[in-house]
PDB file of N, CA and C in Angstrom:
ATOM      1  N   MET A   1     306.877 -21.930  46.231  1.00  0.00           N
ATOM      2  CA  MET A   1     306.327 -21.429  44.994  1.00  0.00           C
ATOM      3  C   MET A   1     305.080 -22.239  44.624  1.00  0.00           C
ATOM      4  N   ILE A   2     304.090 -21.531  44.100  1.00  0.00           N
ATOM      5  CA  ILE A   2     302.920 -22.213  43.573  1.00  0.00           C
ATOM      6  C   ILE A   2     302.832 -21.915  42.088  1.00  0.00           C
ATOM      7  N   THR A   3     302.112 -22.747  41.391  1.00  0.00           N
ATOM      8  CA  THR A   3     301.960 -22.534  39.956  1.00  0.00           C
ATOM      9  C   THR A   3     300.849 -21.522  39.696  1.00  0.00           C
ATOM     10  N   TYR A   4     300.840 -20.981  38.499  1.00  0.00           N
ATOM     11  CA  TYR A   4     299.769 -20.071  38.094  1.00  0.00           C
ATOM     12  C   TYR A   4     298.427 -20.790  38.164  1.00  0.00           C
ATOM     13  N   GLU A   5     298.410 -22.058  37.825  1.00  0.00           N
ATOM     14  CA  GLU A   5     297.180 -22.844  37.888  1.00  0.00           C
ATOM     15  C   GLU A   5     296.669 -22.942  39.333  1.00  0.00           C
ATOM     16  N   ASP A   6     297.589 -23.067  40.295  1.00  0.00           N
ATOM     17  CA  ASP A   6     297.183 -23.075  41.704  1.00  0.00           C
ATOM     18  C   ASP A   6     296.567 -21.736  42.091  1.00  0.00           C
ATOM     19  N   PHE A   7     297.190 -20.634  41.667  1.00  0.00           N
ATOM     20  CA  PHE A   7     296.665 -19.306  41.966  1.00  0.00           C
ATOM     21  C   PHE A   7     295.267 -19.129  41.375  1.00  0.00           C
ATOM     22  N   GLN A   8     295.045 -19.635  40.180  1.00  0.00           N
ATOM     23  CA  GLN A   8     293.749 -19.501  39.520  1.00  0.00           C
ATOM     24  C   GLN A   8     292.626 -20.202  40.281  1.00  0.00           C
ATOM     25  N   LYS A   9     292.959 -21.142  41.140  1.00  0.00           N
ATOM     26  CA  LYS A   9     291.946 -21.844  41.935  1.00  0.00           C
ATOM     27  C   LYS A   9     291.333 -20.943  43.004  1.00  0.00           C
ATOM     28  N   LEU A  10     292.047 -19.879  43.388  1.00  0.00           N
ATOM     29  CA  LEU A  10     291.535 -18.967  44.400  1.00  0.00           C
ATOM     30  C   LEU A  10     290.448 -18.079  43.812  1.00  0.00           C
ATOM     31  N   GLU A  11     289.317 -18.016  44.487  1.00  0.00           N
ATOM     32  CA  GLU A  11     288.242 -17.104  44.092  1.00  0.00           C
ATOM     33  C   GLU A  11     288.320 -15.900  45.024  1.00  0.00           C
ATOM     34  N   ILE A  12     288.967 -14.846  44.542  1.00  0.00           N
ATOM     35  CA  ILE A  12     289.166 -13.642  45.339  1.00  0.00           C
ATOM     36  C   ILE A  12     288.096 -12.641  44.927  1.00  0.00           C
ATOM     37  N   ARG A  13     287.335 -12.150  45.912  1.00  0.00           N
ATOM     38  CA  ARG A  13     286.193 -11.288  45.628  1.00  0.00           C
ATOM     39  C   ARG A  13     286.139 -10.118  46.603  1.00  0.00           C
ATOM     40  N   ILE A  14     285.361  -9.111  46.208  1.00  0.00           N
ATOM     41  CA  ILE A  14     285.047  -7.988  47.080  1.00  0.00           C
ATOM     42  C   ILE A  14     283.818  -8.371  47.902  1.00  0.00           C
ATOM     43  N   ALA A  15     283.863  -8.088  49.192  1.00  0.00           N
ATOM     44  CA  ALA A  15     282.733  -8.351  50.092  1.00  0.00           C
ATOM     45  C   ALA A  15     282.451  -7.088  50.889  1.00  0.00           C
ATOM     46  N   GLU A  16     281.208  -6.978  51.355  1.00  0.00           N
ATOM     47  CA  GLU A  16     280.857  -5.880  52.254  1.00  0.00           C
ATOM     48  C   GLU A  16     280.558  -6.453  53.625  1.00  0.00           C
ATOM     49  N   ILE A  17     281.120  -5.838  54.646  1.00  0.00           N
ATOM     50  CA  ILE A  17     280.861  -6.272  56.019  1.00  0.00           C
ATOM     51  C   ILE A  17     279.507  -5.713  56.444  1.00  0.00           C
ATOM     52  N   GLU A  18     278.581  -6.592  56.786  1.00  0.00           N
ATOM     53  CA  GLU A  18     277.243  -6.189  57.217  1.00  0.00           C
ATOM     54  C   GLU A  18     277.102  -6.166  58.737  1.00  0.00           C
ATOM     55  N   SER A  19     277.902  -6.982  59.418  1.00  0.00           N
ATOM     56  CA  SER A  19     277.841  -7.003  60.884  1.00  0.00           C
ATOM     57  C   SER A  19     279.194  -7.436  61.437  1.00  0.00           C
ATOM     58  N   ALA A  20     279.466  -6.984  62.655  1.00  0.00           N
ATOM     59  CA  ALA A  20     280.709  -7.351  63.343  1.00  0.00           C
ATOM     60  C   ALA A  20     280.380  -7.515  64.816  1.00  0.00           C
ATOM     61  N   ALA A  21     280.799  -8.645  65.381  1.00  0.00           N
ATOM     62  CA  ALA A  21     280.553  -8.913  66.797  1.00  0.00           C
ATOM     63  C   ALA A  21     281.766  -9.617  67.381  1.00  0.00           C
ATOM     64  N   PRO A  22     282.062  -9.352  68.637  1.00  0.00           N
ATOM     65  CA  PRO A  22     283.161 -10.079  69.284  1.00  0.00           C
ATOM     66  C   PRO A  22     282.869 -11.582  69.274  1.00  0.00           C
ATOM     67  N   HIS A  23     283.883 -12.361  69.040  1.00  0.00           N
ATOM     68  CA  HIS A  23     283.750 -13.823  69.096  1.00  0.00           C
ATOM     69  C   HIS A  23     283.439 -14.205  70.543  1.00  0.00           C
ATOM     70  N   PRO A  24     282.468 -15.074  70.761  1.00  0.00           N
ATOM     71  CA  PRO A  24     282.101 -15.419  72.142  1.00  0.00           C
ATOM     72  C   PRO A  24     283.180 -16.186  72.907  1.00  0.00           C
ATOM     73  N   ASN A  25     284.147 -16.774  72.190  1.00  0.00           N
ATOM     74  CA  ASN A  25     285.146 -17.616  72.849  1.00  0.00           C
ATOM     75  C   ASN A  25     286.585 -17.179  72.593  1.00  0.00           C
ATOM     76  N   ALA A  26     286.790 -15.932  72.127  1.00  0.00           N
ATOM     77  CA  ALA A  26     288.159 -15.505  71.832  1.00  0.00           C
ATOM     78  C   ALA A  26     288.259 -13.983  71.880  1.00  0.00           C
ATOM     79  N   ASP A  27     289.231 -13.479  72.617  1.00  0.00           N
ATOM     80  CA  ASP A  27     289.406 -12.037  72.792  1.00  0.00           C
ATOM     81  C   ASP A  27     289.940 -11.318  71.558  1.00  0.00           C
ATOM     82  N   ARG A  28     290.595 -12.017  70.663  1.00  0.00           N
ATOM     83  CA  ARG A  28     291.233 -11.372  69.510  1.00  0.00           C
ATOM     84  C   ARG A  28     290.439 -11.513  68.218  1.00  0.00           C
ATOM     85  N   LEU A  29     289.311 -12.194  68.274  1.00  0.00           N
ATOM     86  CA  LEU A  29     288.563 -12.499  67.059  1.00  0.00           C
ATOM     87  C   LEU A  29     287.250 -11.736  66.971  1.00  0.00           C
ATOM     88  N   PHE A  30     286.872 -11.390  65.731  1.00  0.00           N
ATOM     89  CA  PHE A  30     285.531 -10.894  65.416  1.00  0.00           C
ATOM     90  C   PHE A  30     284.814 -11.955  64.599  1.00  0.00           C
ATOM     91  N   VAL A  31     283.507 -12.023  64.753  1.00  0.00           N
ATOM     92  CA  VAL A  31     282.646 -12.796  63.869  1.00  0.00           C
ATOM     93  C   VAL A  31     281.995 -11.764  62.950  1.00  0.00           C
ATOM     94  N   LEU A  32     282.308 -11.859  61.663  1.00  0.00           N
ATOM     95  CA  LEU A  32     281.823 -10.885  60.692  1.00  0.00           C
ATOM     96  C   LEU A  32     280.758 -11.505  59.800  1.00  0.00           C
ATOM     97  N   GLY A  33     279.664 -10.806  59.622  1.00  0.00           N
ATOM     98  CA  GLY A  33     278.664 -11.170  58.633  1.00  0.00           C
ATOM     99  C   GLY A  33     278.989 -10.389  57.380  1.00  0.00           C
ATOM    100  N   ILE A  34     279.240 -11.088  56.287  1.00  0.00           N
ATOM    101  CA  ILE A  34     279.616 -10.411  55.044  1.00  0.00           C
ATOM    102  C   ILE A  34     278.636 -10.774  53.935  1.00  0.00           C
ATOM    103  N   ARG A  35     278.636  -9.934  52.901  1.00  0.00           N
ATOM    104  CA  ARG A  35     277.851 -10.209  51.699  1.00  0.00           C
ATOM    105  C   ARG A  35     278.811 -10.175  50.515  1.00  0.00           C
ATOM    106  N   VAL A  36     278.776 -11.270  49.754  1.00  0.00           N
ATOM    107  CA  VAL A  36     279.588 -11.393  48.537  1.00  0.00           C
ATOM    108  C   VAL A  36     278.593 -11.530  47.392  1.00  0.00           C
ATOM    109  N   GLY A  37     278.270 -10.405  46.746  1.00  0.00           N
ATOM    110  CA  GLY A  37     277.200 -10.423  45.753  1.00  0.00           C
ATOM    111  C   GLY A  37     275.885 -10.702  46.462  1.00  0.00           C
ATOM    112  N   GLU A  38     275.176 -11.733  46.038  1.00  0.00           N
ATOM    113  CA  GLU A  38     273.891 -12.095  46.641  1.00  0.00           C
ATOM    114  C   GLU A  38     274.036 -13.087  47.801  1.00  0.00           C
ATOM    115  N   ILE A  39     275.248 -13.550  48.066  1.00  0.00           N
ATOM    116  CA  ILE A  39     275.495 -14.585  49.071  1.00  0.00           C
ATOM    117  C   ILE A  39     275.946 -13.953  50.383  1.00  0.00           C
ATOM    118  N   LYS A  40     275.319 -14.385  51.483  1.00  0.00           N
ATOM    119  CA  LYS A  40     275.730 -13.940  52.821  1.00  0.00           C
ATOM    120  C   LYS A  40     276.538 -15.058  53.467  1.00  0.00           C
ATOM    121  N   LYS A  41     277.623 -14.671  54.137  1.00  0.00           N
ATOM    122  CA  LYS A  41     278.517 -15.624  54.781  1.00  0.00           C
ATOM    123  C   LYS A  41     278.952 -15.095  56.134  1.00  0.00           C
ATOM    124  N   THR A  42     279.527 -15.994  56.915  1.00  0.00           N
ATOM    125  CA  THR A  42     280.145 -15.637  58.186  1.00  0.00           C
ATOM    126  C   THR A  42     281.633 -15.946  58.081  1.00  0.00           C
ATOM    127  N   ILE A  43     282.452 -14.993  58.505  1.00  0.00           N
ATOM    128  CA  ILE A  43     283.886 -15.268  58.602  1.00  0.00           C
ATOM    129  C   ILE A  43     284.375 -14.865  59.994  1.00  0.00           C
ATOM    130  N   VAL A  44     285.366 -15.577  60.458  1.00  0.00           N
ATOM    131  CA  VAL A  44     286.006 -15.268  61.736  1.00  0.00           C
ATOM    132  C   VAL A  44     287.363 -14.660  61.398  1.00  0.00           C
ATOM    133  N   ALA A  45     287.636 -13.492  61.989  1.00  0.00           N
ATOM    134  CA  ALA A  45     288.874 -12.784  61.654  1.00  0.00           C
ATOM    135  C   ALA A  45     289.588 -12.290  62.904  1.00  0.00           C
ATOM    136  N   GLY A  46     290.879 -12.456  62.933  1.00  0.00           N
ATOM    137  CA  GLY A  46     291.708 -12.034  64.072  1.00  0.00           C
ATOM    138  C   GLY A  46     292.132 -10.581  63.975  1.00  0.00           C
ATOM    139  N   ILE A  47     291.155  -9.689  63.921  1.00  0.00           N
ATOM    140  CA  ILE A  47     291.444  -8.259  63.749  1.00  0.00           C
ATOM    141  C   ILE A  47     290.896  -7.406  64.883  1.00  0.00           C
ATOM    142  N   ARG A  48     290.434  -8.026  65.936  1.00  0.00           N
ATOM    143  CA  ARG A  48     289.764  -7.302  67.018  1.00  0.00           C
ATOM    144  C   ARG A  48     290.666  -6.318  67.750  1.00  0.00           C
ATOM    145  N   GLN A  49     291.954  -6.566  67.782  1.00  0.00           N
ATOM    146  CA  GLN A  49     292.883  -5.646  68.446  1.00  0.00           C
ATOM    147  C   GLN A  49     293.172  -4.415  67.589  1.00  0.00           C
ATOM    148  N   HIS A  50     292.727  -4.432  66.335  1.00  0.00           N
ATOM    149  CA  HIS A  50     293.075  -3.363  65.396  1.00  0.00           C
ATOM    150  C   HIS A  50     291.882  -2.529  64.935  1.00  0.00           C
ATOM    151  N   TYR A  51     290.678  -3.047  65.098  1.00  0.00           N
ATOM    152  CA  TYR A  51     289.473  -2.362  64.622  1.00  0.00           C
ATOM    153  C   TYR A  51     288.372  -2.426  65.663  1.00  0.00           C
ATOM    154  N   LYS A  52     287.497  -1.430  65.624  1.00  0.00           N
ATOM    155  CA  LYS A  52     286.280  -1.432  66.433  1.00  0.00           C
ATOM    156  C   LYS A  52     285.133  -1.882  65.545  1.00  0.00           C
ATOM    157  N   GLU A  53     284.100  -2.460  66.165  1.00  0.00           N
ATOM    158  CA  GLU A  53     282.950  -2.962  65.409  1.00  0.00           C
ATOM    159  C   GLU A  53     282.381  -1.905  64.474  1.00  0.00           C
ATOM    160  N   GLU A  54     282.217  -0.687  64.986  1.00  0.00           N
ATOM    161  CA  GLU A  54     281.589   0.367  64.194  1.00  0.00           C
ATOM    162  C   GLU A  54     282.458   0.813  63.008  1.00  0.00           C
ATOM    163  N   GLU A  55     283.749   0.563  63.053  1.00  0.00           N
ATOM    164  CA  GLU A  55     284.632   0.884  61.923  1.00  0.00           C
ATOM    165  C   GLU A  55     284.464  -0.108  60.779  1.00  0.00           C
ATOM    166  N   LEU A  56     284.001  -1.295  61.101  1.00  0.00           N
ATOM    167  CA  LEU A  56     283.955  -2.372  60.119  1.00  0.00           C
ATOM    168  C   LEU A  56     282.658  -2.432  59.325  1.00  0.00           C
ATOM    169  N   VAL A  57     281.540  -2.167  59.960  1.00  0.00           N
ATOM    170  CA  VAL A  57     280.245  -2.302  59.296  1.00  0.00           C
ATOM    171  C   VAL A  57     280.167  -1.323  58.129  1.00  0.00           C
ATOM    172  N   GLY A  58     279.841  -1.865  56.950  1.00  0.00           N
ATOM    173  CA  GLY A  58     279.752  -1.069  55.730  1.00  0.00           C
ATOM    174  C   GLY A  58     281.040  -1.025  54.928  1.00  0.00           C
ATOM    175  N   LYS A  59     282.131  -1.529  55.489  1.00  0.00           N
ATOM    176  CA  LYS A  59     283.433  -1.495  54.808  1.00  0.00           C
ATOM    177  C   LYS A  59     283.496  -2.601  53.756  1.00  0.00           C
ATOM    178  N   LYS A  60     284.073  -2.247  52.598  1.00  0.00           N
ATOM    179  CA  LYS A  60     284.340  -3.235  51.544  1.00  0.00           C
ATOM    180  C   LYS A  60     285.729  -3.822  51.797  1.00  0.00           C
ATOM    181  N   ILE A  61     285.822  -5.132  51.686  1.00  0.00           N
ATOM    182  CA  ILE A  61     287.082  -5.833  51.929  1.00  0.00           C
ATOM    183  C   ILE A  61     287.333  -6.836  50.806  1.00  0.00           C
ATOM    184  N   VAL A  62     288.517  -7.404  50.798  1.00  0.00           N
ATOM    185  CA  VAL A  62     288.885  -8.447  49.845  1.00  0.00           C
ATOM    186  C   VAL A  62     288.913  -9.772  50.598  1.00  0.00           C
ATOM    187  N   VAL A  63     288.241 -10.789  50.027  1.00  0.00           N
ATOM    188  CA  VAL A  63     288.164 -12.090  50.686  1.00  0.00           C
ATOM    189  C   VAL A  63     288.528 -13.219  49.726  1.00  0.00           C
ATOM    190  N   ILE A  64     289.019 -14.313  50.317  1.00  0.00           N
ATOM    191  CA  ILE A  64     289.120 -15.579  49.592  1.00  0.00           C
ATOM    192  C   ILE A  64     287.764 -16.235  49.787  1.00  0.00           C
ATOM    193  N   ASN A  65     287.001 -16.336  48.717  1.00  0.00           N
ATOM    194  CA  ASN A  65     285.605 -16.744  48.805  1.00  0.00           C
ATOM    195  C   ASN A  65     285.407 -18.258  48.758  1.00  0.00           C
ATOM    196  N   ASN A  66     286.354 -18.991  48.193  1.00  0.00           N
ATOM    197  CA  ASN A  66     286.154 -20.429  48.038  1.00  0.00           C
ATOM    198  C   ASN A  66     287.038 -21.261  48.968  1.00  0.00           C
ATOM    199  N   LEU A  67     287.420 -20.677  50.090  1.00  0.00           N
ATOM    200  CA  LEU A  67     288.193 -21.413  51.084  1.00  0.00           C
ATOM    201  C   LEU A  67     287.274 -22.416  51.784  1.00  0.00           C
ATOM    202  N   GLU A  68     287.767 -23.605  51.999  1.00  0.00           N
ATOM    203  CA  GLU A  68     286.982 -24.620  52.700  1.00  0.00           C
ATOM    204  C   GLU A  68     286.618 -24.099  54.094  1.00  0.00           C
ATOM    205  N   PRO A  69     285.341 -24.215  54.498  1.00  0.00           N
ATOM    206  CA  PRO A  69     284.943 -23.739  55.830  1.00  0.00           C
ATOM    207  C   PRO A  69     285.754 -24.411  56.935  1.00  0.00           C
ATOM    208  N   ALA A  70     285.996 -23.638  57.998  1.00  0.00           N
ATOM    209  CA  ALA A  70     286.724 -24.148  59.157  1.00  0.00           C
ATOM    210  C   ALA A  70     286.026 -23.659  60.417  1.00  0.00           C
ATOM    211  N   VAL A  71     285.956 -24.491  61.417  1.00  0.00           N
ATOM    212  CA  VAL A  71     285.375 -24.091  62.703  1.00  0.00           C
ATOM    213  C   VAL A  71     286.496 -23.514  63.560  1.00  0.00           C
ATOM    214  N   ILE A  72     286.329 -22.240  63.936  1.00  0.00           N
ATOM    215  CA  ILE A  72     287.332 -21.541  64.727  1.00  0.00           C
ATOM    216  C   ILE A  72     286.719 -21.183  66.077  1.00  0.00           C
ATOM    217  N   ARG A  73     287.183 -21.873  67.100  1.00  0.00           N
ATOM    218  CA  ARG A  73     286.670 -21.665  68.458  1.00  0.00           C
ATOM    219  C   ARG A  73     285.150 -21.794  68.521  1.00  0.00           C
ATOM    220  N   GLY A  74     284.608 -22.769  67.780  1.00  0.00           N
ATOM    221  CA  GLY A  74     283.182 -23.067  67.849  1.00  0.00           C
ATOM    222  C   GLY A  74     282.311 -22.327  66.847  1.00  0.00           C
ATOM    223  N   VAL A  75     282.892 -21.451  66.021  1.00  0.00           N
ATOM    224  CA  VAL A  75     282.126 -20.713  65.014  1.00  0.00           C
ATOM    225  C   VAL A  75     282.677 -21.072  63.636  1.00  0.00           C
ATOM    226  N   GLU A  76     281.776 -21.436  62.708  1.00  0.00           N
ATOM    227  CA  GLU A  76     282.208 -21.783  61.355  1.00  0.00           C
ATOM    228  C   GLU A  76     282.569 -20.521  60.578  1.00  0.00           C
ATOM    229  N   SER A  77     283.758 -20.518  59.999  1.00  0.00           N
ATOM    230  CA  SER A  77     284.227 -19.433  59.147  1.00  0.00           C
ATOM    231  C   SER A  77     284.167 -19.914  57.707  1.00  0.00           C
ATOM    232  N   GLN A  78     283.509 -19.127  56.844  1.00  0.00           N
ATOM    233  CA  GLN A  78     283.256 -19.545  55.464  1.00  0.00           C
ATOM    234  C   GLN A  78     284.069 -18.755  54.447  1.00  0.00           C
ATOM    235  N   GLY A  79     285.237 -18.323  54.838  1.00  0.00           N
ATOM    236  CA  GLY A  79     286.110 -17.569  53.952  1.00  0.00           C
ATOM    237  C   GLY A  79     287.216 -16.936  54.768  1.00  0.00           C
ATOM    238  N   MET A  80     288.008 -16.080  54.111  1.00  0.00           N
ATOM    239  CA  MET A  80     289.107 -15.411  54.806  1.00  0.00           C
ATOM    240  C   MET A  80     289.293 -14.027  54.210  1.00  0.00           C
ATOM    241  N   LEU A  81     289.387 -13.030  55.091  1.00  0.00           N
ATOM    242  CA  LEU A  81     289.670 -11.691  54.591  1.00  0.00           C
ATOM    243  C   LEU A  81     291.166 -11.536  54.407  1.00  0.00           C
ATOM    244  N   LEU A  82     291.553 -10.578  53.576  1.00  0.00           N
ATOM    245  CA  LEU A  82     292.964 -10.304  53.358  1.00  0.00           C
ATOM    246  C   LEU A  82     293.355  -9.050  54.129  1.00  0.00           C
ATOM    247  N   ALA A  83     294.491  -9.127  54.786  1.00  0.00           N
ATOM    248  CA  ALA A  83     295.022  -8.005  55.559  1.00  0.00           C
ATOM    249  C   ALA A  83     296.539  -8.034  55.430  1.00  0.00           C
ATOM    250  N   ALA A  84     297.158  -6.889  55.698  1.00  0.00           N
ATOM    251  CA  ALA A  84     298.618  -6.782  55.690  1.00  0.00           C
ATOM    252  C   ALA A  84     299.060  -6.233  57.034  1.00  0.00           C
ATOM    253  N   SER A  85     300.259  -6.603  57.449  1.00  0.00           N
ATOM    254  CA  SER A  85     300.755  -6.082  58.721  1.00  0.00           C
ATOM    255  C   SER A  85     302.246  -5.812  58.633  1.00  0.00           C
ATOM    256  N   ASP A  86     302.663  -4.853  59.442  1.00  0.00           N
ATOM    257  CA  ASP A  86     304.075  -4.540  59.609  1.00  0.00           C
ATOM    258  C   ASP A  86     304.270  -4.050  61.033  1.00  0.00           C
ATOM    259  N   GLU A  87     305.420  -3.441  61.324  1.00  0.00           N
ATOM    260  CA  GLU A  87     305.683  -3.008  62.694  1.00  0.00           C
ATOM    261  C   GLU A  87     304.698  -1.938  63.176  1.00  0.00           C
ATOM    262  N   ALA A  88     304.026  -1.247  62.258  1.00  0.00           N
ATOM    263  CA  ALA A  88     303.047  -0.211  62.637  1.00  0.00           C
ATOM    264  C   ALA A  88     301.664  -0.787  62.930  1.00  0.00           C
ATOM    265  N   GLY A  89     301.431  -2.037  62.586  1.00  0.00           N
ATOM    266  CA  GLY A  89     300.139  -2.649  62.863  1.00  0.00           C
ATOM    267  C   GLY A  89     299.564  -3.372  61.663  1.00  0.00           C
ATOM    268  N   LEU A  90     298.247  -3.575  61.713  1.00  0.00           N
ATOM    269  CA  LEU A  90     297.528  -4.347  60.703  1.00  0.00           C
ATOM    270  C   LEU A  90     296.557  -3.439  59.961  1.00  0.00           C
ATOM    271  N   THR A  91     296.390  -3.693  58.668  1.00  0.00           N
ATOM    272  CA  THR A  91     295.411  -2.971  57.868  1.00  0.00           C
ATOM    273  C   THR A  91     294.710  -3.941  56.931  1.00  0.00           C
ATOM    274  N   LEU A  92     293.427  -3.728  56.750  1.00  0.00           N
ATOM    275  CA  LEU A  92     292.662  -4.546  55.821  1.00  0.00           C
ATOM    276  C   LEU A  92     293.023  -4.176  54.389  1.00  0.00           C
ATOM    277  N   VAL A  93     292.990  -5.162  53.501  1.00  0.00           N
ATOM    278  CA  VAL A  93     293.147  -4.900  52.073  1.00  0.00           C
ATOM    279  C   VAL A  93     291.764  -4.491  51.574  1.00  0.00           C
ATOM    280  N   VAL A  94     291.670  -3.277  51.032  1.00  0.00           N
ATOM    281  CA  VAL A  94     290.383  -2.718  50.609  1.00  0.00           C
ATOM    282  C   VAL A  94     290.508  -2.149  49.197  1.00  0.00           C
ATOM    283  N   PRO A  95     289.405  -2.116  48.434  1.00  0.00           N
ATOM    284  CA  PRO A  95     289.466  -1.491  47.107  1.00  0.00           C
ATOM    285  C   PRO A  95     289.649   0.020  47.243  1.00  0.00           C
ATOM    286  N   GLU A  96     290.328   0.643  46.276  1.00  0.00           N
ATOM    287  CA  GLU A  96     290.604   2.075  46.366  1.00  0.00           C
ATOM    288  C   GLU A  96     289.441   2.947  45.924  1.00  0.00           C
ATOM    289  N   ARG A  97     288.447   2.356  45.255  1.00  0.00           N
ATOM    290  CA  ARG A  97     287.266   3.113  44.874  1.00  0.00           C
ATOM    291  C   ARG A  97     286.031   2.272  45.164  1.00  0.00           C
ATOM    292  N   SER A  98     284.889   2.898  45.128  1.00  0.00           N
ATOM    293  CA  SER A  98     283.639   2.179  45.364  1.00  0.00           C
ATOM    294  C   SER A  98     283.449   1.133  44.259  1.00  0.00           C
ATOM    295  N   ILE A  99     283.153  -0.085  44.675  1.00  0.00           N
ATOM    296  CA  ILE A  99     282.947  -1.177  43.727  1.00  0.00           C
ATOM    297  C   ILE A  99     281.915  -2.124  44.306  1.00  0.00           C
ATOM    298  N   LYS A 100     281.153  -2.745  43.449  1.00  0.00           N
ATOM    299  CA  LYS A 100     280.075  -3.644  43.849  1.00  0.00           C
ATOM    300  C   LYS A 100     280.630  -4.865  44.587  1.00  0.00           C
ATOM    301  N   ASP A 101     279.972  -5.226  45.705  1.00  0.00           N
ATOM    302  CA  ASP A 101     280.409  -6.447  46.373  1.00  0.00           C
ATOM    303  C   ASP A 101     280.105  -7.635  45.470  1.00  0.00           C
ATOM    304  N   GLY A 102     280.977  -8.623  45.529  1.00  0.00           N
ATOM    305  CA  GLY A 102     280.885  -9.766  44.654  1.00  0.00           C
ATOM    306  C   GLY A 102     281.829  -9.653  43.457  1.00  0.00           C
ATOM    307  N   ALA A 103     282.340  -8.438  43.184  1.00  0.00           N
ATOM    308  CA  ALA A 103     283.256  -8.250  42.055  1.00  0.00           C
ATOM    309  C   ALA A 103     284.485  -9.125  42.236  1.00  0.00           C
ATOM    310  N   GLY A 104     284.963  -9.683  41.136  1.00  0.00           N
ATOM    311  CA  GLY A 104     286.145 -10.533  41.171  1.00  0.00           C
ATOM    312  C   GLY A 104     287.419  -9.711  41.238  1.00  0.00           C
ATOM    313  N   VAL A 105     288.416 -10.260  41.902  1.00  0.00           N
ATOM    314  CA  VAL A 105     289.744  -9.646  42.001  1.00  0.00           C
ATOM    315  C   VAL A 105     290.681 -10.509  41.164  1.00  0.00           C
ATOM    316  N   LYS A 106     291.442  -9.862  40.315  1.00  0.00           N
ATOM    317  CA  LYS A 106     292.360 -10.596  39.422  1.00  0.00           C
ATOM    318  C   LYS A 106     293.788 -10.256  39.734  1.00  0.00           C
TER     319      LYS A 106
END
């Protein structure tokens, strides 16, 4: 269990995927170029077995925007996208209507 105060530390935002490329050092990872409001970032995501590059570009997603950067197989990831999975596979968490990237998630 975490406290409400711990949850409030998370900066959850809407981002738009601007580019998607296979990770040069991992078969299951994509390197995604995203835009969160006016800020451009790179995130590494383990969704390559579930999505094609062309399906991702232009898609709005939900990200943890203030996660400490981590180097994943030689590429710095500056956030984390949210996804859900079950026995049928993986799906990205996406807004149900068009919304501006950078919008906060509560």
